[in-house]
Amino acid sequence: MGKWFPIAYDFFMKPLEKHRFKDIRSNLLAKAKGRVLEIGSGSGINLPHYQHSVEHVVAIDPNEQMLQRSVEAVRQGKVKIQLLNAEAEKLPFADNTFDTVVATLVFCTVADPEKVILEIKRVSKPGARILLFEHVKVSNPFWAKVQDRLTPIWKRVCDGCHLNRNTLGYFKQAGLSMQEVKKYYKGTFITVDCLYQPERKGQT
């Protein structure tokens, strides 16, 4: 990730964050509880939204500059927040650690989404809530093709971001229980509320 990207990201996202995104994040994160893992916490935009149903947030990001930019957001938070430099593909936590896992605008950039989901499942307690806010490939065939064509250039300009990633499909394939899926901006953005319910030994 280039040194310019954290600054540019905040600058270009600010208009969206001040309006619709702020409400989307607040409504989604109101569902978080207990011990929370936030993956790809970036500049800390989510951190002030966690409510007192949350005991502790561990916010990880692979970019040290992003974490430095989130220090002020930690001060504004209502709950205990720990920042940690770590990668989603190799989470430094024991199995069955978290009650809630949060990822917002993260799965478009991770190198291996399936591996990240496996790691999320590993560190989640049975019955843990997984909360997502992502931009995804749209269902409209014309605009989906536009996303496909733009993605190679977009990835180079926006630090690996995939416009056309089918994030919801990855989570469904992983066997997670979809509780609620909401679409915004004609399906360009979605929120997902799902549960981790591991199969019992011997269950088919």
N, C-alpha and C. Protein backbone atom coordinates (compact mmCIF):
# COMPACT_ATOMS: atom_id res chain seq x y z
N MET A 1 0.84 -1.19 0.00
CA MET A 1 0.00 0.00 0.00
C MET A 1 0.88 1.24 0.00
N GLY A 2 0.71 2.12 -0.98
CA GLY A 2 1.52 3.32 -1.07
C GLY A 2 1.25 4.29 0.07
N LYS A 3 2.23 5.14 0.35
CA LYS A 3 2.09 6.09 1.45
C LYS A 3 0.97 7.09 1.22
N TRP A 4 0.67 7.35 -0.07
CA TRP A 4 -0.36 8.33 -0.39
C TRP A 4 -1.77 7.79 -0.17
N PHE A 5 -1.91 6.46 -0.18
CA PHE A 5 -3.25 5.88 -0.23
C PHE A 5 -4.10 6.18 1.01
N PRO A 6 -3.56 6.03 2.25
CA PRO A 6 -4.40 6.34 3.42
C PRO A 6 -4.99 7.74 3.40
N ILE A 7 -4.19 8.72 2.97
CA ILE A 7 -4.66 10.11 2.92
C ILE A 7 -5.70 10.28 1.82
N ALA A 8 -5.40 9.72 0.63
CA ALA A 8 -6.31 9.85 -0.50
C ALA A 8 -7.64 9.14 -0.23
N TYR A 9 -7.55 7.98 0.42
CA TYR A 9 -8.76 7.22 0.72
C TYR A 9 -9.71 8.03 1.59
N ASP A 10 -9.19 8.59 2.67
CA ASP A 10 -10.02 9.39 3.56
C ASP A 10 -10.61 10.60 2.84
N PHE A 11 -9.81 11.23 1.99
CA PHE A 11 -10.27 12.43 1.29
C PHE A 11 -11.43 12.12 0.35
N PHE A 12 -11.29 11.07 -0.45
CA PHE A 12 -12.32 10.76 -1.44
C PHE A 12 -13.56 10.11 -0.84
N MET A 13 -13.39 9.44 0.30
CA MET A 13 -14.53 8.78 0.92
C MET A 13 -15.33 9.71 1.83
N LYS A 14 -14.76 10.84 2.18
CA LYS A 14 -15.39 11.73 3.16
C LYS A 14 -16.82 12.13 2.78
N PRO A 15 -17.11 12.52 1.52
CA PRO A 15 -18.49 12.90 1.19
C PRO A 15 -19.49 11.77 1.43
N LEU A 16 -19.12 10.54 1.06
CA LEU A 16 -20.01 9.40 1.30
C LEU A 16 -20.16 9.12 2.79
N GLU A 17 -19.06 9.19 3.52
CA GLU A 17 -19.09 8.86 4.94
C GLU A 17 -19.93 9.85 5.74
N LYS A 18 -19.96 11.11 5.32
CA LYS A 18 -20.70 12.13 6.06
C LYS A 18 -22.21 11.95 5.93
N HIS A 19 -22.64 11.23 4.92
CA HIS A 19 -24.07 11.12 4.66
C HIS A 19 -24.54 9.67 4.85
N ARG A 20 -24.79 8.94 3.78
CA ARG A 20 -25.43 7.63 3.88
C ARG A 20 -24.57 6.60 4.62
N PHE A 21 -23.27 6.59 4.36
CA PHE A 21 -22.43 5.55 4.94
C PHE A 21 -22.42 5.61 6.47
N LYS A 22 -22.49 6.80 7.01
CA LYS A 22 -22.47 6.95 8.47
C LYS A 22 -23.65 6.21 9.09
N ASP A 23 -24.82 6.36 8.53
CA ASP A 23 -26.01 5.67 9.05
C ASP A 23 -25.92 4.17 8.84
N ILE A 24 -25.40 3.76 7.68
CA ILE A 24 -25.25 2.33 7.40
C ILE A 24 -24.33 1.68 8.43
N ARG A 25 -23.19 2.31 8.68
CA ARG A 25 -22.25 1.77 9.65
C ARG A 25 -22.86 1.73 11.05
N SER A 26 -23.51 2.80 11.44
CA SER A 26 -24.08 2.87 12.78
C SER A 26 -25.13 1.78 13.00
N ASN A 27 -26.01 1.59 12.04
CA ASN A 27 -27.06 0.57 12.16
C ASN A 27 -26.48 -0.84 12.19
N LEU A 28 -25.46 -1.08 11.38
CA LEU A 28 -24.84 -2.40 11.34
C LEU A 28 -24.10 -2.70 12.64
N LEU A 29 -23.31 -1.75 13.10
CA LEU A 29 -22.46 -2.00 14.26
C LEU A 29 -23.23 -1.99 15.58
N ALA A 30 -24.45 -1.51 15.56
CA ALA A 30 -25.30 -1.61 16.75
C ALA A 30 -25.59 -3.08 17.10
N LYS A 31 -25.37 -3.98 16.15
CA LYS A 31 -25.60 -5.41 16.36
C LYS A 31 -24.41 -6.11 17.00
N ALA A 32 -23.28 -5.44 17.05
CA ALA A 32 -22.07 -6.05 17.62
C ALA A 32 -22.20 -6.18 19.13
N LYS A 33 -21.62 -7.24 19.67
CA LYS A 33 -21.66 -7.44 21.11
C LYS A 33 -20.44 -8.24 21.56
N GLY A 34 -20.18 -8.19 22.86
CA GLY A 34 -19.13 -9.00 23.45
C GLY A 34 -17.74 -8.59 23.00
N ARG A 35 -16.91 -9.57 22.77
CA ARG A 35 -15.54 -9.35 22.29
C ARG A 35 -15.57 -9.29 20.77
N VAL A 36 -15.10 -8.20 20.19
CA VAL A 36 -15.25 -7.93 18.77
C VAL A 36 -13.89 -7.88 18.08
N LEU A 37 -13.81 -8.53 16.93
CA LEU A 37 -12.66 -8.40 16.04
C LEU A 37 -13.09 -7.59 14.83
N GLU A 38 -12.40 -6.48 14.58
CA GLU A 38 -12.64 -5.74 13.34
C GLU A 38 -11.46 -5.94 12.42
N ILE A 39 -11.73 -6.44 11.23
CA ILE A 39 -10.70 -6.73 10.23
C ILE A 39 -10.59 -5.56 9.27
N GLY A 40 -9.35 -5.12 9.01
CA GLY A 40 -9.14 -4.00 8.09
C GLY A 40 -9.77 -2.73 8.61
N SER A 41 -9.42 -2.35 9.81
CA SER A 41 -10.08 -1.21 10.47
C SER A 41 -9.70 0.13 9.85
N GLY A 42 -8.64 0.16 9.03
CA GLY A 42 -8.29 1.38 8.30
C GLY A 42 -8.03 2.56 9.21
N SER A 43 -8.62 3.69 8.87
CA SER A 43 -8.40 4.91 9.66
C SER A 43 -9.35 5.03 10.86
N GLY A 44 -10.07 3.94 11.16
CA GLY A 44 -10.88 3.89 12.37
C GLY A 44 -12.28 4.46 12.24
N ILE A 45 -12.81 4.50 11.02
CA ILE A 45 -14.12 5.12 10.79
C ILE A 45 -15.23 4.44 11.58
N ASN A 46 -15.09 3.13 11.85
CA ASN A 46 -16.13 2.41 12.60
C ASN A 46 -16.04 2.61 14.11
N LEU A 47 -14.88 2.94 14.60
CA LEU A 47 -14.62 2.81 16.04
C LEU A 47 -15.55 3.63 16.93
N PRO A 48 -15.94 4.86 16.56
CA PRO A 48 -16.88 5.59 17.42
C PRO A 48 -18.30 5.03 17.43
N HIS A 49 -18.59 4.09 16.52
CA HIS A 49 -19.96 3.57 16.42
C HIS A 49 -20.26 2.41 17.36
N TYR A 50 -19.25 1.80 17.96
CA TYR A 50 -19.50 0.66 18.83
C TYR A 50 -20.18 1.11 20.12
N GLN A 51 -21.21 0.33 20.51
CA GLN A 51 -22.02 0.67 21.67
C GLN A 51 -21.58 -0.14 22.89
N HIS A 52 -22.25 0.09 24.02
CA HIS A 52 -21.83 -0.50 25.28
C HIS A 52 -22.16 -1.99 25.40
N SER A 53 -22.85 -2.54 24.41
CA SER A 53 -23.02 -3.99 24.36
C SER A 53 -21.72 -4.69 24.00
N VAL A 54 -20.74 -3.91 23.55
CA VAL A 54 -19.41 -4.42 23.20
C VAL A 54 -18.49 -4.29 24.41
N GLU A 55 -17.78 -5.37 24.74
CA GLU A 55 -16.84 -5.36 25.85
C GLU A 55 -15.47 -4.82 25.43
N HIS A 56 -15.03 -5.23 24.26
CA HIS A 56 -13.65 -4.94 23.84
C HIS A 56 -13.57 -5.11 22.32
N VAL A 57 -12.95 -4.18 21.64
CA VAL A 57 -12.72 -4.28 20.20
C VAL A 57 -11.23 -4.45 19.95
N VAL A 58 -10.88 -5.47 19.18
CA VAL A 58 -9.52 -5.60 18.65
C VAL A 58 -9.59 -5.24 17.18
N ALA A 59 -9.00 -4.11 16.81
CA ALA A 59 -9.07 -3.60 15.44
C ALA A 59 -7.72 -3.83 14.75
N ILE A 60 -7.73 -4.65 13.70
CA ILE A 60 -6.47 -4.97 13.02
C ILE A 60 -6.43 -4.35 11.63
N ASP A 61 -5.23 -4.03 11.20
CA ASP A 61 -5.00 -3.55 9.83
C ASP A 61 -3.55 -3.86 9.47
N PRO A 62 -3.28 -4.23 8.21
CA PRO A 62 -1.90 -4.54 7.82
C PRO A 62 -1.05 -3.31 7.56
N ASN A 63 -1.69 -2.13 7.52
CA ASN A 63 -0.98 -0.90 7.18
C ASN A 63 -0.78 -0.04 8.43
N GLU A 64 0.47 0.15 8.80
CA GLU A 64 0.79 0.89 10.02
C GLU A 64 0.33 2.35 9.94
N GLN A 65 0.38 2.93 8.73
CA GLN A 65 -0.06 4.32 8.58
C GLN A 65 -1.55 4.47 8.86
N MET A 66 -2.33 3.50 8.38
CA MET A 66 -3.77 3.52 8.66
C MET A 66 -4.02 3.45 10.16
N LEU A 67 -3.30 2.58 10.85
CA LEU A 67 -3.49 2.46 12.29
C LEU A 67 -3.14 3.76 13.01
N GLN A 68 -2.09 4.42 12.56
CA GLN A 68 -1.71 5.70 13.16
C GLN A 68 -2.81 6.75 12.97
N ARG A 69 -3.46 6.70 11.82
CA ARG A 69 -4.54 7.65 11.55
C ARG A 69 -5.80 7.36 12.37
N SER A 70 -5.87 6.18 12.96
CA SER A 70 -7.08 5.81 13.72
C SER A 70 -6.97 6.10 15.21
N VAL A 71 -5.85 6.65 15.66
CA VAL A 71 -5.65 6.90 17.10
C VAL A 71 -6.71 7.85 17.64
N GLU A 72 -7.05 8.89 16.90
CA GLU A 72 -8.06 9.83 17.36
C GLU A 72 -9.43 9.17 17.45
N ALA A 73 -9.74 8.26 16.51
CA ALA A 73 -11.01 7.54 16.56
C ALA A 73 -11.09 6.65 17.79
N VAL A 74 -9.96 6.10 18.22
CA VAL A 74 -9.94 5.30 19.45
C VAL A 74 -10.32 6.17 20.64
N ARG A 75 -9.82 7.38 20.67
CA ARG A 75 -10.15 8.30 21.78
C ARG A 75 -11.64 8.64 21.81
N GLN A 76 -12.26 8.68 20.63
CA GLN A 76 -13.68 9.02 20.54
C GLN A 76 -14.58 7.82 20.85
N GLY A 77 -14.01 6.64 20.92
CA GLY A 77 -14.81 5.44 21.12
C GLY A 77 -15.43 5.37 22.51
N LYS A 78 -16.53 4.63 22.60
CA LYS A 78 -17.25 4.47 23.87
C LYS A 78 -16.80 3.24 24.63
N VAL A 79 -16.00 2.37 23.96
CA VAL A 79 -15.61 1.09 24.55
C VAL A 79 -14.09 0.93 24.46
N LYS A 80 -13.58 -0.10 25.12
CA LYS A 80 -12.15 -0.39 25.07
C LYS A 80 -11.77 -0.86 23.67
N ILE A 81 -10.73 -0.25 23.09
CA ILE A 81 -10.30 -0.57 21.73
C ILE A 81 -8.79 -0.79 21.71
N GLN A 82 -8.39 -1.89 21.10
CA GLN A 82 -6.97 -2.20 20.93
C GLN A 82 -6.65 -2.21 19.44
N LEU A 83 -5.60 -1.50 19.03
CA LEU A 83 -5.15 -1.50 17.65
C LEU A 83 -4.00 -2.49 17.49
N LEU A 84 -4.02 -3.23 16.36
CA LEU A 84 -3.00 -4.25 16.15
C LEU A 84 -2.66 -4.35 14.67
N ASN A 85 -1.38 -4.34 14.38
CA ASN A 85 -0.90 -4.51 13.01
C ASN A 85 -0.89 -6.00 12.68
N ALA A 86 -1.81 -6.44 11.82
CA ALA A 86 -1.93 -7.87 11.51
C ALA A 86 -2.67 -8.04 10.18
N GLU A 87 -2.48 -9.20 9.57
CA GLU A 87 -3.11 -9.53 8.29
C GLU A 87 -4.31 -10.45 8.50
N ALA A 88 -5.35 -10.22 7.71
CA ALA A 88 -6.57 -11.01 7.85
C ALA A 88 -6.37 -12.47 7.44
N GLU A 89 -5.41 -12.73 6.55
CA GLU A 89 -5.17 -14.10 6.10
C GLU A 89 -4.47 -14.96 7.14
N LYS A 90 -3.93 -14.32 8.18
CA LYS A 90 -3.24 -15.07 9.24
C LYS A 90 -3.48 -14.36 10.56
N LEU A 91 -4.64 -14.57 11.13
CA LEU A 91 -5.04 -13.87 12.35
C LEU A 91 -4.28 -14.40 13.56
N PRO A 92 -3.69 -13.53 14.36
CA PRO A 92 -2.87 -13.95 15.50
C PRO A 92 -3.69 -14.19 16.78
N PHE A 93 -4.75 -14.98 16.64
CA PHE A 93 -5.64 -15.22 17.78
C PHE A 93 -5.95 -16.71 17.88
N ALA A 94 -6.30 -17.13 19.08
CA ALA A 94 -6.67 -18.52 19.31
C ALA A 94 -8.05 -18.81 18.72
N ASP A 95 -8.34 -20.08 18.53
CA ASP A 95 -9.66 -20.50 18.08
C ASP A 95 -10.73 -20.05 19.09
N ASN A 96 -11.95 -19.81 18.58
CA ASN A 96 -13.11 -19.53 19.43
C ASN A 96 -12.88 -18.35 20.38
N THR A 97 -12.39 -17.24 19.84
CA THR A 97 -12.04 -16.08 20.66
C THR A 97 -13.11 -15.00 20.66
N PHE A 98 -13.79 -14.77 19.52
CA PHE A 98 -14.61 -13.57 19.36
C PHE A 98 -16.10 -13.87 19.26
N ASP A 99 -16.89 -12.95 19.84
CA ASP A 99 -18.36 -13.02 19.76
C ASP A 99 -18.89 -12.37 18.49
N THR A 100 -18.15 -11.41 17.94
CA THR A 100 -18.55 -10.69 16.74
C THR A 100 -17.31 -10.42 15.90
N VAL A 101 -17.45 -10.56 14.58
CA VAL A 101 -16.39 -10.16 13.65
C VAL A 101 -16.97 -9.16 12.67
N VAL A 102 -16.26 -8.07 12.45
CA VAL A 102 -16.71 -6.98 11.60
C VAL A 102 -15.71 -6.77 10.47
N ALA A 103 -16.23 -6.58 9.26
CA ALA A 103 -15.39 -6.19 8.12
C ALA A 103 -16.18 -5.21 7.27
N THR A 104 -15.65 -4.02 7.05
CA THR A 104 -16.35 -3.04 6.23
C THR A 104 -15.42 -2.52 5.15
N LEU A 105 -15.84 -2.68 3.90
CA LEU A 105 -15.07 -2.27 2.73
C LEU A 105 -13.66 -2.85 2.79
N VAL A 106 -13.61 -4.14 3.07
CA VAL A 106 -12.35 -4.87 3.24
C VAL A 106 -12.18 -5.97 2.20
N PHE A 107 -13.25 -6.72 1.94
CA PHE A 107 -13.12 -7.91 1.10
C PHE A 107 -12.86 -7.60 -0.37
N CYS A 108 -13.01 -6.36 -0.76
CA CYS A 108 -12.65 -5.98 -2.12
C CYS A 108 -11.14 -5.98 -2.34
N THR A 109 -10.36 -5.91 -1.25
CA THR A 109 -8.91 -5.77 -1.39
C THR A 109 -8.10 -6.96 -0.87
N VAL A 110 -8.66 -7.81 -0.05
CA VAL A 110 -7.86 -8.92 0.48
C VAL A 110 -7.41 -9.83 -0.66
N ALA A 111 -6.20 -10.37 -0.51
CA ALA A 111 -5.63 -11.19 -1.58
C ALA A 111 -6.34 -12.52 -1.74
N ASP A 112 -6.80 -13.10 -0.64
CA ASP A 112 -7.41 -14.43 -0.68
C ASP A 112 -8.65 -14.44 0.21
N PRO A 113 -9.81 -14.04 -0.35
CA PRO A 113 -11.02 -13.94 0.48
C PRO A 113 -11.43 -15.26 1.13
N GLU A 114 -11.24 -16.37 0.44
CA GLU A 114 -11.63 -17.65 1.01
C GLU A 114 -10.78 -17.99 2.24
N LYS A 115 -9.50 -17.68 2.19
CA LYS A 115 -8.62 -17.92 3.33
C LYS A 115 -9.01 -17.02 4.50
N VAL A 116 -9.37 -15.77 4.21
CA VAL A 116 -9.79 -14.85 5.26
C VAL A 116 -11.05 -15.36 5.95
N ILE A 117 -12.00 -15.87 5.18
CA ILE A 117 -13.24 -16.40 5.76
C ILE A 117 -12.94 -17.61 6.64
N LEU A 118 -12.04 -18.48 6.21
CA LEU A 118 -11.65 -19.61 7.05
C LEU A 118 -11.05 -19.14 8.38
N GLU A 119 -10.23 -18.09 8.32
CA GLU A 119 -9.66 -17.54 9.54
C GLU A 119 -10.73 -16.91 10.43
N ILE A 120 -11.69 -16.23 9.81
CA ILE A 120 -12.80 -15.66 10.59
C ILE A 120 -13.55 -16.77 11.32
N LYS A 121 -13.85 -17.85 10.61
CA LYS A 121 -14.56 -18.97 11.23
C LYS A 121 -13.74 -19.59 12.37
N ARG A 122 -12.45 -19.67 12.17
CA ARG A 122 -11.58 -20.28 13.18
C ARG A 122 -11.60 -19.49 14.49
N VAL A 123 -11.52 -18.17 14.40
CA VAL A 123 -11.42 -17.36 15.62
C VAL A 123 -12.79 -16.99 16.21
N SER A 124 -13.86 -17.35 15.51
CA SER A 124 -15.21 -17.04 15.99
C SER A 124 -15.73 -18.12 16.94
N LYS A 125 -16.42 -17.68 17.97
CA LYS A 125 -17.11 -18.63 18.84
C LYS A 125 -18.34 -19.19 18.12
N PRO A 126 -18.78 -20.39 18.46
CA PRO A 126 -20.05 -20.87 17.90
C PRO A 126 -21.18 -19.88 18.20
N GLY A 127 -21.93 -19.53 17.18
CA GLY A 127 -22.99 -18.55 17.33
C GLY A 127 -22.54 -17.12 17.17
N ALA A 128 -21.27 -16.93 16.85
CA ALA A 128 -20.76 -15.57 16.67
C ALA A 128 -21.44 -14.88 15.50
N ARG A 129 -21.57 -13.57 15.61
CA ARG A 129 -22.18 -12.76 14.56
C ARG A 129 -21.07 -12.20 13.67
N ILE A 130 -21.26 -12.25 12.36
CA ILE A 130 -20.32 -11.71 11.40
C ILE A 130 -21.04 -10.61 10.63
N LEU A 131 -20.52 -9.40 10.72
CA LEU A 131 -21.17 -8.21 10.18
C LEU A 131 -20.31 -7.61 9.08
N LEU A 132 -20.90 -7.43 7.89
CA LEU A 132 -20.16 -6.95 6.73
C LEU A 132 -20.84 -5.74 6.10
N PHE A 133 -20.02 -4.85 5.60
CA PHE A 133 -20.48 -3.75 4.73
C PHE A 133 -19.46 -3.69 3.59
N GLU A 134 -19.89 -4.06 2.38
CA GLU A 134 -18.96 -4.22 1.27
C GLU A 134 -19.56 -3.69 -0.03
N HIS A 135 -18.68 -3.33 -0.96
CA HIS A 135 -19.15 -3.10 -2.33
C HIS A 135 -18.85 -4.36 -3.14
N VAL A 136 -19.77 -4.70 -4.04
CA VAL A 136 -19.73 -6.01 -4.69
C VAL A 136 -20.08 -5.89 -6.17
N LYS A 137 -19.93 -7.01 -6.85
CA LYS A 137 -20.35 -7.07 -8.25
C LYS A 137 -21.87 -6.99 -8.32
N VAL A 138 -22.38 -6.11 -9.18
CA VAL A 138 -23.82 -5.91 -9.28
C VAL A 138 -24.47 -7.01 -10.10
N SER A 139 -25.78 -7.16 -9.96
CA SER A 139 -26.51 -8.19 -10.71
C SER A 139 -26.89 -7.74 -12.11
N ASN A 140 -26.97 -6.43 -12.34
CA ASN A 140 -27.29 -5.92 -13.67
C ASN A 140 -26.19 -6.31 -14.65
N PRO A 141 -26.52 -7.07 -15.73
CA PRO A 141 -25.49 -7.58 -16.63
C PRO A 141 -24.62 -6.50 -17.27
N PHE A 142 -25.24 -5.38 -17.67
CA PHE A 142 -24.46 -4.32 -18.32
C PHE A 142 -23.43 -3.74 -17.36
N TRP A 143 -23.89 -3.36 -16.15
CA TRP A 143 -22.98 -2.73 -15.20
C TRP A 143 -21.98 -3.72 -14.64
N ALA A 144 -22.36 -5.00 -14.59
CA ALA A 144 -21.41 -6.02 -14.17
C ALA A 144 -20.24 -6.12 -15.16
N LYS A 145 -20.55 -6.01 -16.45
CA LYS A 145 -19.49 -6.03 -17.47
C LYS A 145 -18.60 -4.79 -17.36
N VAL A 146 -19.22 -3.65 -17.05
CA VAL A 146 -18.44 -2.43 -16.85
C VAL A 146 -17.47 -2.62 -15.68
N GLN A 147 -17.96 -3.21 -14.59
CA GLN A 147 -17.10 -3.47 -13.44
C GLN A 147 -15.94 -4.40 -13.83
N ASP A 148 -16.24 -5.44 -14.61
CA ASP A 148 -15.20 -6.39 -15.03
C ASP A 148 -14.11 -5.68 -15.84
N ARG A 149 -14.52 -4.79 -16.73
CA ARG A 149 -13.56 -4.11 -17.59
C ARG A 149 -12.73 -3.08 -16.84
N LEU A 150 -13.35 -2.45 -15.84
CA LEU A 150 -12.65 -1.42 -15.09
C LEU A 150 -11.73 -1.97 -14.00
N THR A 151 -12.00 -3.19 -13.55
CA THR A 151 -11.29 -3.72 -12.39
C THR A 151 -9.77 -3.76 -12.55
N PRO A 152 -9.21 -4.21 -13.68
CA PRO A 152 -7.73 -4.23 -13.77
C PRO A 152 -7.09 -2.87 -13.55
N ILE A 153 -7.68 -1.82 -14.12
CA ILE A 153 -7.15 -0.47 -13.93
C ILE A 153 -7.41 0.00 -12.50
N TRP A 154 -8.62 -0.27 -12.01
CA TRP A 154 -9.02 0.15 -10.67
C TRP A 154 -8.10 -0.45 -9.61
N LYS A 155 -7.71 -1.70 -9.80
CA LYS A 155 -6.83 -2.37 -8.85
C LYS A 155 -5.48 -1.66 -8.75
N ARG A 156 -4.98 -1.20 -9.88
CA ARG A 156 -3.68 -0.51 -9.86
C ARG A 156 -3.78 0.86 -9.20
N VAL A 157 -4.89 1.55 -9.47
CA VAL A 157 -5.06 2.91 -8.93
C VAL A 157 -5.44 2.88 -7.45
N CYS A 158 -6.26 1.91 -7.07
CA CYS A 158 -6.84 1.89 -5.72
C CYS A 158 -6.29 0.75 -4.86
N ASP A 159 -5.02 0.47 -5.06
CA ASP A 159 -4.31 -0.42 -4.15
C ASP A 159 -4.94 -1.80 -4.04
N GLY A 160 -5.26 -2.40 -5.18
CA GLY A 160 -5.74 -3.78 -5.19
C GLY A 160 -7.23 -3.97 -5.03
N CYS A 161 -8.00 -2.90 -5.06
CA CYS A 161 -9.45 -3.01 -4.88
C CYS A 161 -10.11 -3.63 -6.11
N HIS A 162 -10.92 -4.67 -5.88
CA HIS A 162 -11.67 -5.33 -6.95
C HIS A 162 -13.09 -4.77 -6.98
N LEU A 163 -13.47 -4.16 -8.10
CA LEU A 163 -14.84 -3.67 -8.24
C LEU A 163 -15.85 -4.80 -8.40
N ASN A 164 -15.39 -5.95 -8.87
CA ASN A 164 -16.30 -7.01 -9.30
C ASN A 164 -16.25 -8.25 -8.43
N ARG A 165 -15.91 -8.12 -7.19
CA ARG A 165 -15.78 -9.30 -6.32
C ARG A 165 -17.15 -9.73 -5.78
N ASN A 166 -17.42 -11.02 -5.86
CA ASN A 166 -18.68 -11.58 -5.38
C ASN A 166 -18.54 -12.00 -3.92
N THR A 167 -18.43 -11.03 -3.03
CA THR A 167 -18.16 -11.30 -1.63
C THR A 167 -19.29 -12.11 -0.97
N LEU A 168 -20.53 -11.78 -1.29
CA LEU A 168 -21.65 -12.51 -0.70
C LEU A 168 -21.58 -13.98 -1.09
N GLY A 169 -21.21 -14.25 -2.33
CA GLY A 169 -21.07 -15.63 -2.78
C GLY A 169 -20.04 -16.41 -1.98
N TYR A 170 -18.92 -15.77 -1.66
CA TYR A 170 -17.89 -16.44 -0.85
C TYR A 170 -18.44 -16.83 0.52
N PHE A 171 -19.21 -15.94 1.13
CA PHE A 171 -19.73 -16.23 2.46
C PHE A 171 -20.81 -17.31 2.42
N LYS A 172 -21.62 -17.31 1.38
CA LYS A 172 -22.62 -18.37 1.25
C LYS A 172 -21.96 -19.73 1.05
N GLN A 173 -20.91 -19.77 0.22
CA GLN A 173 -20.18 -21.02 -0.02
C GLN A 173 -19.52 -21.54 1.25
N ALA A 174 -19.19 -20.63 2.15
CA ALA A 174 -18.54 -21.02 3.41
C ALA A 174 -19.52 -21.61 4.41
N GLY A 175 -20.80 -21.64 4.07
CA GLY A 175 -21.80 -22.26 4.92
C GLY A 175 -22.28 -21.41 6.07
N LEU A 176 -22.05 -20.10 5.99
CA LEU A 176 -22.52 -19.21 7.06
C LEU A 176 -24.01 -18.94 6.91
N SER A 177 -24.68 -18.80 8.02
CA SER A 177 -26.13 -18.61 8.04
C SER A 177 -26.48 -17.14 7.83
N MET A 178 -27.08 -16.83 6.69
CA MET A 178 -27.43 -15.45 6.37
C MET A 178 -28.69 -15.03 7.13
N GLN A 179 -28.54 -14.07 8.02
CA GLN A 179 -29.68 -13.56 8.78
C GLN A 179 -30.36 -12.40 8.06
N GLU A 180 -29.57 -11.54 7.46
CA GLU A 180 -30.12 -10.37 6.77
C GLU A 180 -29.10 -9.84 5.77
N VAL A 181 -29.58 -9.54 4.57
CA VAL A 181 -28.76 -8.91 3.54
C VAL A 181 -29.52 -7.68 3.03
N LYS A 182 -28.88 -6.53 3.08
CA LYS A 182 -29.50 -5.29 2.58
C LYS A 182 -28.65 -4.74 1.45
N LYS A 183 -29.32 -4.18 0.43
CA LYS A 183 -28.62 -3.62 -0.72
C LYS A 183 -28.79 -2.10 -0.75
N TYR A 184 -27.73 -1.43 -1.20
CA TYR A 184 -27.73 0.03 -1.31
C TYR A 184 -27.15 0.43 -2.67
N TYR A 185 -27.56 1.58 -3.14
CA TYR A 185 -27.06 2.11 -4.41
C TYR A 185 -27.19 1.05 -5.52
N LYS A 186 -28.42 0.53 -5.65
CA LYS A 186 -28.77 -0.45 -6.69
C LYS A 186 -27.90 -1.70 -6.63
N GLY A 187 -27.55 -2.10 -5.42
CA GLY A 187 -26.81 -3.34 -5.23
C GLY A 187 -25.31 -3.21 -5.32
N THR A 188 -24.81 -1.99 -5.49
CA THR A 188 -23.36 -1.80 -5.52
C THR A 188 -22.74 -2.04 -4.14
N PHE A 189 -23.49 -1.68 -3.10
CA PHE A 189 -23.05 -1.90 -1.73
C PHE A 189 -24.07 -2.79 -1.02
N ILE A 190 -23.58 -3.63 -0.12
CA ILE A 190 -24.47 -4.48 0.67
C ILE A 190 -24.01 -4.50 2.13
N THR A 191 -24.96 -4.73 3.03
CA THR A 191 -24.62 -5.11 4.39
C THR A 191 -25.11 -6.54 4.60
N VAL A 192 -24.36 -7.29 5.37
CA VAL A 192 -24.67 -8.69 5.63
C VAL A 192 -24.55 -8.95 7.12
N ASP A 193 -25.56 -9.58 7.66
CA ASP A 193 -25.57 -10.03 9.05
C ASP A 193 -25.68 -11.55 9.01
N CYS A 194 -24.62 -12.24 9.41
CA CYS A 194 -24.67 -13.70 9.36
C CYS A 194 -24.14 -14.31 10.65
N LEU A 195 -24.44 -15.58 10.85
CA LEU A 195 -24.03 -16.29 12.06
C LEU A 195 -23.09 -17.43 11.70
N TYR A 196 -22.13 -17.63 12.59
CA TYR A 196 -21.25 -18.80 12.46
C TYR A 196 -21.80 -19.91 13.31
N GLN A 197 -22.26 -20.98 12.67
CA GLN A 197 -22.82 -22.13 13.37
C GLN A 197 -22.11 -23.37 12.89
N PRO A 198 -21.00 -23.74 13.53
CA PRO A 198 -20.21 -24.88 13.07
C PRO A 198 -21.00 -26.18 13.16
N GLU A 199 -20.72 -27.06 12.20
CA GLU A 199 -21.36 -28.37 12.23
C GLU A 199 -20.80 -29.19 13.37
N ARG A 200 -21.67 -29.95 14.02
CA ARG A 200 -21.23 -30.81 15.09
C ARG A 200 -20.57 -32.04 14.49
N LYS A 201 -19.64 -32.63 15.26
CA LYS A 201 -18.96 -33.84 14.79
C LYS A 201 -19.98 -34.93 14.52
N GLY A 202 -19.86 -35.57 13.34
CA GLY A 202 -20.78 -36.62 12.96
C GLY A 202 -21.99 -36.12 12.21
N GLN A 203 -22.19 -34.77 12.18
CA GLN A 203 -23.33 -34.19 11.47
C GLN A 203 -23.03 -34.15 9.98
N THR A 204 -24.00 -34.47 9.16
CA THR A 204 -23.83 -34.45 7.70
C THR A 204 -24.80 -33.48 7.08
